Protein backbone atom coordinates (compact mmCIF):
# COMPACT_ATOMS: atom_id res chain seq x y z
CA MET A 1 26.74 1.09 1.09
CA GLU A 2 23.69 1.25 -1.06
CA THR A 3 20.93 -1.15 -0.03
CA LYS A 4 19.80 -3.54 -2.53
CA MET A 5 16.12 -3.86 -3.20
CA ARG A 6 14.59 -7.20 -4.21
CA VAL A 7 14.02 -6.54 -8.08
CA MET A 8 11.30 -8.63 -9.59
CA SER A 9 11.27 -6.90 -13.02
CA ASP A 10 13.12 -4.13 -14.50
CA ARG A 11 10.65 -3.03 -17.05
CA PRO A 12 8.35 -1.99 -15.47
CA LEU A 13 10.16 -1.50 -12.28
CA ASN A 14 8.87 -3.79 -9.48
CA ALA A 15 11.09 -4.05 -6.31
CA GLU A 16 10.38 -4.75 -2.75
CA THR A 17 11.85 -3.33 0.44
CA PRO A 18 14.33 -5.74 2.30
CA VAL A 19 12.69 -6.78 5.64
CA GLU A 20 15.23 -5.21 7.65
CA HIS A 21 14.01 -1.89 6.53
CA LEU A 22 10.57 -2.40 7.71
CA ARG A 23 11.48 -2.33 11.39
CA SER A 24 11.34 1.47 11.72
CA TRP A 25 8.04 3.42 11.71
CA ILE A 26 9.20 5.55 8.65
CA THR A 27 10.33 3.78 5.69
CA ALA A 28 13.10 5.56 3.94
CA ASN A 29 12.31 6.98 0.48
CA SER A 30 15.43 5.18 -0.81
CA VAL A 31 14.17 1.77 0.05
CA PHE A 32 10.38 2.39 -0.27
CA PHE A 33 8.95 -0.36 -2.57
CA ASP A 34 8.42 0.21 -6.23
CA ARG A 35 5.35 -0.93 -8.22
CA ASN A 36 4.68 0.08 -11.68
CA GLN A 37 2.43 -1.04 -14.55
CA GLY A 38 4.25 1.10 -17.27
CA ALA A 39 7.47 2.80 -17.97
CA PHE A 40 8.53 5.98 -16.15
CA PRO A 41 7.51 9.17 -17.84
CA GLU A 42 9.71 11.39 -19.83
CA GLU A 43 11.44 14.13 -17.71
CA LEU A 44 8.81 16.97 -17.20
CA SER A 45 9.05 20.75 -17.35
CA LEU A 46 7.66 21.83 -13.93
CA PRO A 47 6.78 25.36 -14.99
CA ALA A 48 4.81 23.86 -17.95
CA TRP A 49 3.21 21.16 -15.93
CA ARG A 50 -0.44 21.21 -15.14
CA LEU A 51 -2.98 19.19 -13.11
CA GLN A 52 -6.10 19.08 -15.19
CA ILE A 53 -9.49 18.67 -13.51
CA GLU A 54 -12.52 17.97 -15.88
CA GLY A 55 -15.73 15.88 -16.23
CA GLU A 56 -18.69 16.38 -14.02
CA VAL A 57 -17.62 19.86 -12.63
CA GLU A 58 -18.92 23.31 -13.19
CA ASN A 59 -15.62 24.85 -13.99
CA PRO A 60 -13.02 22.64 -15.39
CA LEU A 61 -9.65 24.06 -14.23
CA ALA A 62 -5.86 23.49 -14.84
CA PHE A 63 -3.64 23.91 -11.80
CA SER A 64 0.09 24.88 -11.90
CA PHE A 65 2.37 23.25 -9.37
CA ASP A 66 2.90 26.78 -7.73
CA GLU A 67 -0.69 27.12 -7.30
CA ILE A 68 -1.03 23.82 -5.64
CA LEU A 69 1.91 24.79 -3.34
CA ARG A 70 -0.05 27.93 -2.28
CA MET A 71 -3.17 26.00 -1.13
CA PRO A 72 -3.40 24.98 2.53
CA LYS A 73 -1.06 21.98 3.17
CA ALA A 74 -1.84 18.90 4.91
CA ILE A 75 0.66 16.56 6.41
CA VAL A 76 -0.35 12.86 6.90
CA ALA A 77 1.23 9.52 7.86
CA ASN A 78 -0.01 6.83 5.59
CA THR A 79 0.98 3.12 5.15
CA LEU A 80 0.97 2.23 1.55
CA GLU A 81 0.73 -1.47 0.41
CA CYS A 82 0.77 -3.22 -3.01
CA SER A 83 -2.32 -5.10 -3.69
CA GLY A 84 -0.37 -8.22 -4.22
CA ASN A 85 2.07 -8.07 -1.26
CA GLY A 86 2.32 -11.51 0.18
CA ARG A 87 1.22 -13.03 -3.08
CA SER A 88 4.21 -15.62 -3.15
CA LEU A 89 3.22 -16.87 0.35
CA LEU A 90 -0.02 -18.17 -0.76
CA LYS A 91 0.18 -22.22 -0.77
CA GLU A 92 -1.04 -22.18 -4.29
CA LYS A 93 0.70 -20.16 -6.94
CA ALA A 94 -1.18 -17.02 -8.08
CA ALA A 95 -0.29 -14.94 -11.15
CA GLY A 96 1.75 -11.76 -10.70
CA ASN A 97 5.00 -10.58 -9.15
CA PRO A 98 6.28 -12.77 -6.47
CA TRP A 99 6.02 -10.22 -3.48
CA THR A 100 6.89 -11.55 0.05
CA ILE A 101 6.10 -8.85 2.83
CA GLY A 102 8.40 -6.05 1.33
CA GLY A 103 5.50 -4.46 -0.84
CA VAL A 104 4.60 -2.09 2.08
CA GLY A 105 6.04 0.89 3.61
CA ASN A 106 5.00 3.88 5.84
CA ALA A 107 5.76 7.54 5.10
CA VAL A 108 4.79 10.83 6.15
CA TRP A 109 3.22 12.61 3.18
CA GLY A 110 2.69 16.23 2.55
CA GLY A 111 0.18 17.72 0.08
CA VAL A 112 -3.29 19.05 -0.49
CA TRP A 113 -6.61 17.60 0.01
CA LEU A 114 -8.32 16.52 -3.30
CA ARG A 115 -11.69 17.82 -1.94
CA ASP A 116 -10.24 21.39 -1.92
CA LEU A 117 -9.58 21.17 -5.61
CA LEU A 118 -12.84 19.63 -6.52
CA LYS A 119 -14.77 22.27 -4.57
CA ARG A 120 -13.00 24.87 -6.59
CA CYS A 121 -14.03 23.21 -9.80
CA GLY A 122 -17.66 23.03 -8.66
CA LEU A 123 -18.12 19.26 -8.40
CA LYS A 124 -21.56 18.28 -9.62
CA GLU A 125 -23.94 15.96 -7.99
CA THR A 126 -23.54 13.65 -11.12
CA GLY A 127 -19.83 13.20 -10.32
CA ARG A 128 -20.07 10.05 -8.16
CA HIS A 129 -16.56 8.79 -9.08
CA VAL A 130 -13.13 10.22 -9.61
CA ALA A 131 -10.68 8.85 -12.27
CA PHE A 132 -6.93 9.32 -12.03
CA GLU A 133 -4.43 9.29 -14.85
CA GLY A 134 -0.77 9.42 -14.60
CA SER A 135 1.72 10.20 -17.17
CA ASP A 136 3.61 7.07 -16.96
CA ARG A 137 4.12 5.30 -20.49
CA PRO A 138 2.16 2.22 -21.28
CA LEU A 139 4.23 -1.05 -22.20
CA GLY A 140 3.21 -3.22 -24.87
CA SER A 141 1.56 -2.78 -28.21
CA ALA A 142 -1.93 -2.34 -26.96
CA GLY A 143 -0.88 1.16 -25.13
CA VAL A 144 -3.22 0.57 -22.35
CA LYS A 145 -3.05 3.56 -19.89
CA PHE A 146 -3.08 3.00 -16.07
CA ILE A 147 -6.32 4.88 -15.07
CA ARG A 148 -8.15 4.00 -11.79
CA SER A 149 -11.13 5.58 -10.36
CA ILE A 150 -12.43 5.96 -6.67
CA PRO A 151 -15.81 6.68 -5.38
CA VAL A 152 -16.48 10.33 -4.72
CA GLU A 153 -17.10 9.68 -0.93
CA LYS A 154 -13.39 8.65 -0.61
CA ALA A 155 -12.23 11.32 -2.95
CA MET A 156 -13.87 13.96 -0.73
CA GLU A 157 -13.24 12.52 2.86
CA SER A 158 -9.62 11.23 2.78
CA THR A 159 -7.70 11.38 -0.40
CA LEU A 160 -4.39 13.44 -0.61
CA LEU A 161 -2.50 14.75 -3.53
CA ALA A 162 0.93 14.48 -2.25
CA TYR A 163 4.02 16.40 -3.57
CA GLU A 164 6.28 15.50 -0.51
CA MET A 165 7.36 12.25 1.05
CA ASN A 166 9.06 12.01 4.40
CA GLY A 167 9.95 15.80 4.40
CA GLU A 168 11.53 15.79 0.98
CA PRO A 169 10.25 16.50 -2.65
CA LEU A 170 8.33 13.39 -3.87
CA PRO A 171 10.93 11.27 -5.60
CA PHE A 172 10.43 11.16 -9.28
CA LYS A 173 10.07 7.27 -9.18
CA HIS A 174 7.43 7.78 -6.49
CA GLY A 175 5.13 9.91 -8.69
CA TYR A 176 6.87 13.42 -8.78
CA PRO A 177 5.46 15.94 -8.94
CA LEU A 178 2.05 14.72 -7.70
CA ARG A 179 0.66 11.55 -6.49
CA ALA A 180 -2.88 10.52 -5.52
CA LEU A 181 -3.14 8.89 -1.97
CA ALA A 182 -6.30 7.31 -1.18
CA LEU A 183 -5.56 7.11 2.30
CA GLY A 184 -5.74 3.39 3.79
CA TRP A 185 -6.25 1.96 0.46
CA THR A 186 -3.88 0.03 -1.68
CA GLY A 187 -1.23 1.54 -4.16
CA ALA A 188 -3.31 0.53 -7.14
CA ASN A 189 -5.62 3.35 -6.03
CA CYS A 190 -2.91 5.89 -5.51
CA VAL A 191 -1.84 6.77 -9.08
CA LYS A 192 1.58 8.26 -9.59
CA TRP A 193 2.81 11.11 -12.00
CA LEU A 194 -0.73 12.47 -11.78
CA TRP A 195 -1.88 14.90 -14.40
CA LYS A 196 -5.52 14.48 -14.97
CA ILE A 197 -8.50 14.05 -12.62
CA THR A 198 -12.03 13.33 -14.20
CA ALA A 199 -15.07 13.43 -12.43
CA ILE A 200 -17.53 10.68 -13.78
CA ARG A 201 -20.92 9.26 -13.29
CA LEU A 202 -19.89 5.66 -12.97
CA PRO A 203 -16.73 3.86 -12.21
CA PHE A 204 -14.26 4.12 -14.94
CA GLU A 205 -14.23 1.34 -17.39
CA GLY A 206 -10.95 -0.17 -18.44
CA PHE A 207 -8.38 -2.86 -18.22
CA PHE A 208 -6.87 -1.70 -14.89
CA MET A 209 -10.38 -1.39 -13.31
CA ASP A 210 -12.14 -4.22 -14.90
CA ASN A 211 -9.51 -7.17 -15.45
CA VAL A 212 -7.31 -6.75 -12.64
CA TYR A 213 -7.39 -5.42 -9.05
CA ARG A 214 -10.40 -7.50 -8.47
CA VAL A 215 -10.69 -10.65 -6.27
CA PHE A 216 -12.14 -13.60 -8.46
CA GLN A 217 -11.78 -17.31 -8.54
CA LYS A 218 -10.81 -19.70 -11.47
CA GLY A 219 -13.59 -19.66 -14.02
CA GLU A 220 -15.06 -16.44 -12.97
CA ASP A 221 -15.46 -13.24 -15.00
CA PRO A 222 -13.02 -10.77 -13.35
CA ARG A 223 -15.64 -8.09 -13.60
CA SER A 224 -17.76 -10.02 -11.20
CA GLY A 225 -14.90 -9.81 -8.51
CA ARG A 226 -14.70 -7.49 -5.56
CA VAL A 227 -12.80 -4.28 -6.35
CA VAL A 228 -9.51 -4.15 -4.28
CA THR A 229 -9.91 -0.85 -2.12
CA ARG A 230 -8.77 -0.59 1.46
CA MET A 231 -6.01 -2.56 2.85
CA SER A 232 -6.51 -5.84 4.53
CA LEU A 233 -6.02 -6.24 8.47
CA LYS A 234 -2.57 -7.74 8.63
CA SER A 235 0.73 -8.11 10.82
CA ILE A 236 3.97 -8.80 9.61
CA ILE A 237 7.20 -10.14 11.53
CA THR A 238 10.28 -8.06 10.73
CA GLN A 239 12.62 -9.58 13.26
CA PRO A 240 13.99 -12.20 13.48
CA LEU A 241 14.26 -13.05 9.85
CA ASN A 242 12.75 -16.27 8.51
CA GLY A 243 14.97 -19.18 8.76
CA GLU A 244 17.40 -17.33 11.08
CA THR A 245 19.32 -19.31 14.01
CA LEU A 246 19.23 -17.62 17.26
CA GLY A 247 21.14 -18.28 20.35
CA VAL A 248 19.26 -19.38 23.67
CA GLY A 249 18.04 -16.56 25.68
CA PRO A 250 15.79 -13.59 25.32
CA VAL A 251 14.83 -12.82 21.63
CA THR A 252 13.03 -9.55 20.71
CA VAL A 253 10.43 -10.08 18.21
CA LEU A 254 9.37 -6.97 16.20
CA GLY A 255 6.87 -6.42 13.64
CA ALA A 256 4.17 -4.00 12.26
CA ALA A 257 0.34 -4.25 11.71
CA TYR A 258 -2.07 -2.21 9.93
CA ALA A 259 -5.62 -2.31 8.72
CA GLY A 260 -6.14 0.44 6.17
CA GLU A 261 -8.94 2.74 7.37
CA THR A 262 -9.32 0.95 10.85
CA PRO A 263 -6.66 1.34 13.63
CA VAL A 264 -5.10 -1.89 14.93
CA THR A 265 -5.42 -1.91 18.71
CA ARG A 266 -3.75 -5.35 19.58
CA VAL A 267 -1.32 -7.89 18.21
CA ASP A 268 -1.10 -11.41 19.57
CA ILE A 269 2.00 -13.59 19.24
CA SER A 270 2.39 -17.40 19.15
CA ILE A 271 5.83 -19.12 19.22
CA ASP A 272 4.30 -22.63 19.00
CA GLY A 273 2.64 -22.46 15.82
CA GLY A 274 -0.62 -21.20 17.09
CA LYS A 275 -1.35 -23.35 20.10
CA THR A 276 -1.15 -20.55 22.53
CA TRP A 277 -1.13 -16.67 22.33
CA VAL A 278 0.17 -13.86 24.20
CA SER A 279 -0.27 -10.01 23.45
CA ALA A 280 2.67 -8.11 22.16
CA GLU A 281 3.33 -4.52 23.32
CA MET A 282 2.24 -1.81 20.92
CA ILE A 283 4.89 0.84 20.42
CA GLY A 284 5.61 3.86 18.35
CA PRO A 285 3.36 6.51 17.20
CA ARG A 286 -0.36 6.17 16.72
CA GLU A 287 -1.74 7.62 13.49
CA PRO A 288 -5.25 6.83 11.89
CA TYR A 289 -3.77 5.79 8.58
CA ALA A 290 -0.36 4.47 9.59
CA TRP A 291 0.82 1.15 10.84
CA ARG A 292 1.41 0.19 14.59
CA GLN A 293 4.57 -1.17 15.38
CA TRP A 294 4.96 -3.86 18.12
CA GLN A 295 7.31 -5.86 20.02
CA PHE A 296 7.57 -9.08 22.13
CA VAL A 297 10.53 -10.30 24.23
CA TRP A 298 10.57 -14.10 23.99
CA ASP A 299 12.41 -16.04 26.39
CA ALA A 300 13.84 -18.76 24.06
CA GLY A 301 15.21 -21.04 26.80
CA GLN A 302 15.19 -24.22 25.03
CA ALA A 303 16.87 -25.24 21.71
CA GLY A 304 14.72 -26.44 18.88
CA ASP A 305 12.79 -25.31 15.98
CA TYR A 306 9.83 -22.86 16.43
CA THR A 307 7.15 -21.37 14.24
CA LEU A 308 6.42 -17.82 15.20
CA LEU A 309 2.99 -16.13 14.24
CA ALA A 310 1.41 -12.79 14.51
CA ARG A 311 -2.22 -11.93 14.59
CA ALA A 312 -3.70 -8.42 14.51
CA ILE A 313 -6.91 -7.27 15.89
CA ASP A 314 -8.34 -3.86 14.96
CA ALA A 315 -10.67 -1.46 16.69
CA SER A 316 -13.76 -2.90 15.51
CA GLY A 317 -12.95 -6.16 17.17
CA ARG A 318 -11.99 -8.01 13.78
CA LYS A 319 -9.34 -10.60 13.96
CA GLN A 320 -6.83 -11.34 11.23
CA PRO A 321 -7.80 -14.63 9.55
CA MET A 322 -5.58 -17.64 10.23
CA LYS A 323 -5.47 -18.51 6.46
CA GLY A 324 -5.47 -16.17 3.43
CA ARG A 325 -8.03 -16.72 0.68
CA TRP A 326 -6.57 -17.82 -2.49
CA ASN A 327 -7.63 -15.96 -5.66
CA VAL A 328 -6.42 -15.86 -9.22
CA LEU A 329 -4.23 -12.76 -8.98
CA GLY A 330 -3.28 -13.31 -5.48
CA TYR A 331 -4.49 -9.99 -3.89
CA CYS A 332 -4.92 -9.24 -0.14
CA ASN A 333 -3.16 -12.20 1.21
CA ASN A 334 -3.48 -11.33 5.03
CA GLY A 335 -3.44 -14.97 6.43
CA VAL A 336 -1.53 -15.54 9.65
CA MET A 337 -0.23 -18.88 8.66
CA GLU A 338 1.06 -17.69 5.43
CA HIS A 339 3.02 -14.88 7.01
CA ALA A 340 4.57 -17.40 9.62
CA ILE A 341 8.31 -17.49 10.16
CA GLU A 342 10.50 -20.34 11.22
CA VAL A 343 13.51 -20.05 13.51
CA LYS A 344 15.93 -22.24 15.17
CA ILE A 345 17.30 -21.74 18.74
CA GLY A 346 20.64 -23.22 19.73
C-alpha cells in the first residue's frame, strides 16, 4: 500500500512526510518531503545535459554527467529540512505552507565536492559567493527563477553536488541529475535540478534571496532580516503521535534531534509539561551532518492527560529554546513548547 504524503499544494508540489516515517535513521526516498517553488523541469536528455560553471573563475567549464561521475566520489549522511518546517505550530499564524514536523528527512547522499569543480575552474579571489540555478520552471507571470547563493567558505568547505540518494540515482523530483547540498543548511540553500553555478563578488540579488528566506518582523524590510542558512537546534517527537491514547504501562518515546553544522549531544525529556526533565538515550549512527535518534522508556503508571516535551542540547552547550521566535514567514521554528505533544493514558 502506497504511503500518502500530506500534500499542501499540487502546483508547485509541496508535501510533508508522515510522522511514522521519521522514526528510522534513514528517510526513504519515496516518503522524503517535497518542497518546490516552481514546476518540475521538462524531461532532460542526460547525454546533452551540462553543468556550467562561470563568473569569477579563470576557466569557465561545462561538465557532462559522465565527467562528474569520473571524479572522486563522496558519500555523506545529511539531514535536510525545509526552512518553514514547524511553521503551523507557531501560536500566531505565519505566511506560507502549513508545515508541521514532516518537512525534514535524513538521507545518505553520493556525489562530488563542489570545491573540486571550482578548483578545476580556477576560482578567483574575487569569487566570494556562489550562486546556484536549477532548471525548474517558474510559476506566475513574473517568471522569477529560483536562484540562491551561498558564501564561498561554505561552498569550499562542505557543499556536495549530489547525484545519489540512499544508494539510488537521485530521484527526479528531488533534483535529478544533480542537486546542491550545503550540508547542515536548510533546503532553500540546496538547489535542485542544478545546471548552472556562478561565482560572484557579492550575494546574489533576487526575489528568493532578498524577499524570502529571511527572518524579519512586521513592518520591517525583508532585506534587513537575517538570511536563513544553517538549520536550527531542534528535537522532534515521532512516537507516540500527538493526541494518541495509550494504555497504562511502559511507553517507548522516540524522536530525532539535529542542529545543522553542530552535533547534538543530549536530549532531555519532560512528561509533565516542563516541570521536570530526564535525559533520553541517544541511539543510532552518529554522523556530523545527520540527525541523532533518541529514545526514552516512560513508565506511564497513572491514567490522565500528559504533555510531552523534548529539548536538544548541542556540542557547544546551546539548549533548544523553550519558545520559538515568531517571524512574518514562520522560518526556523525550533521552540520546545511549539513541538510538544499531548497524549492520554488509560
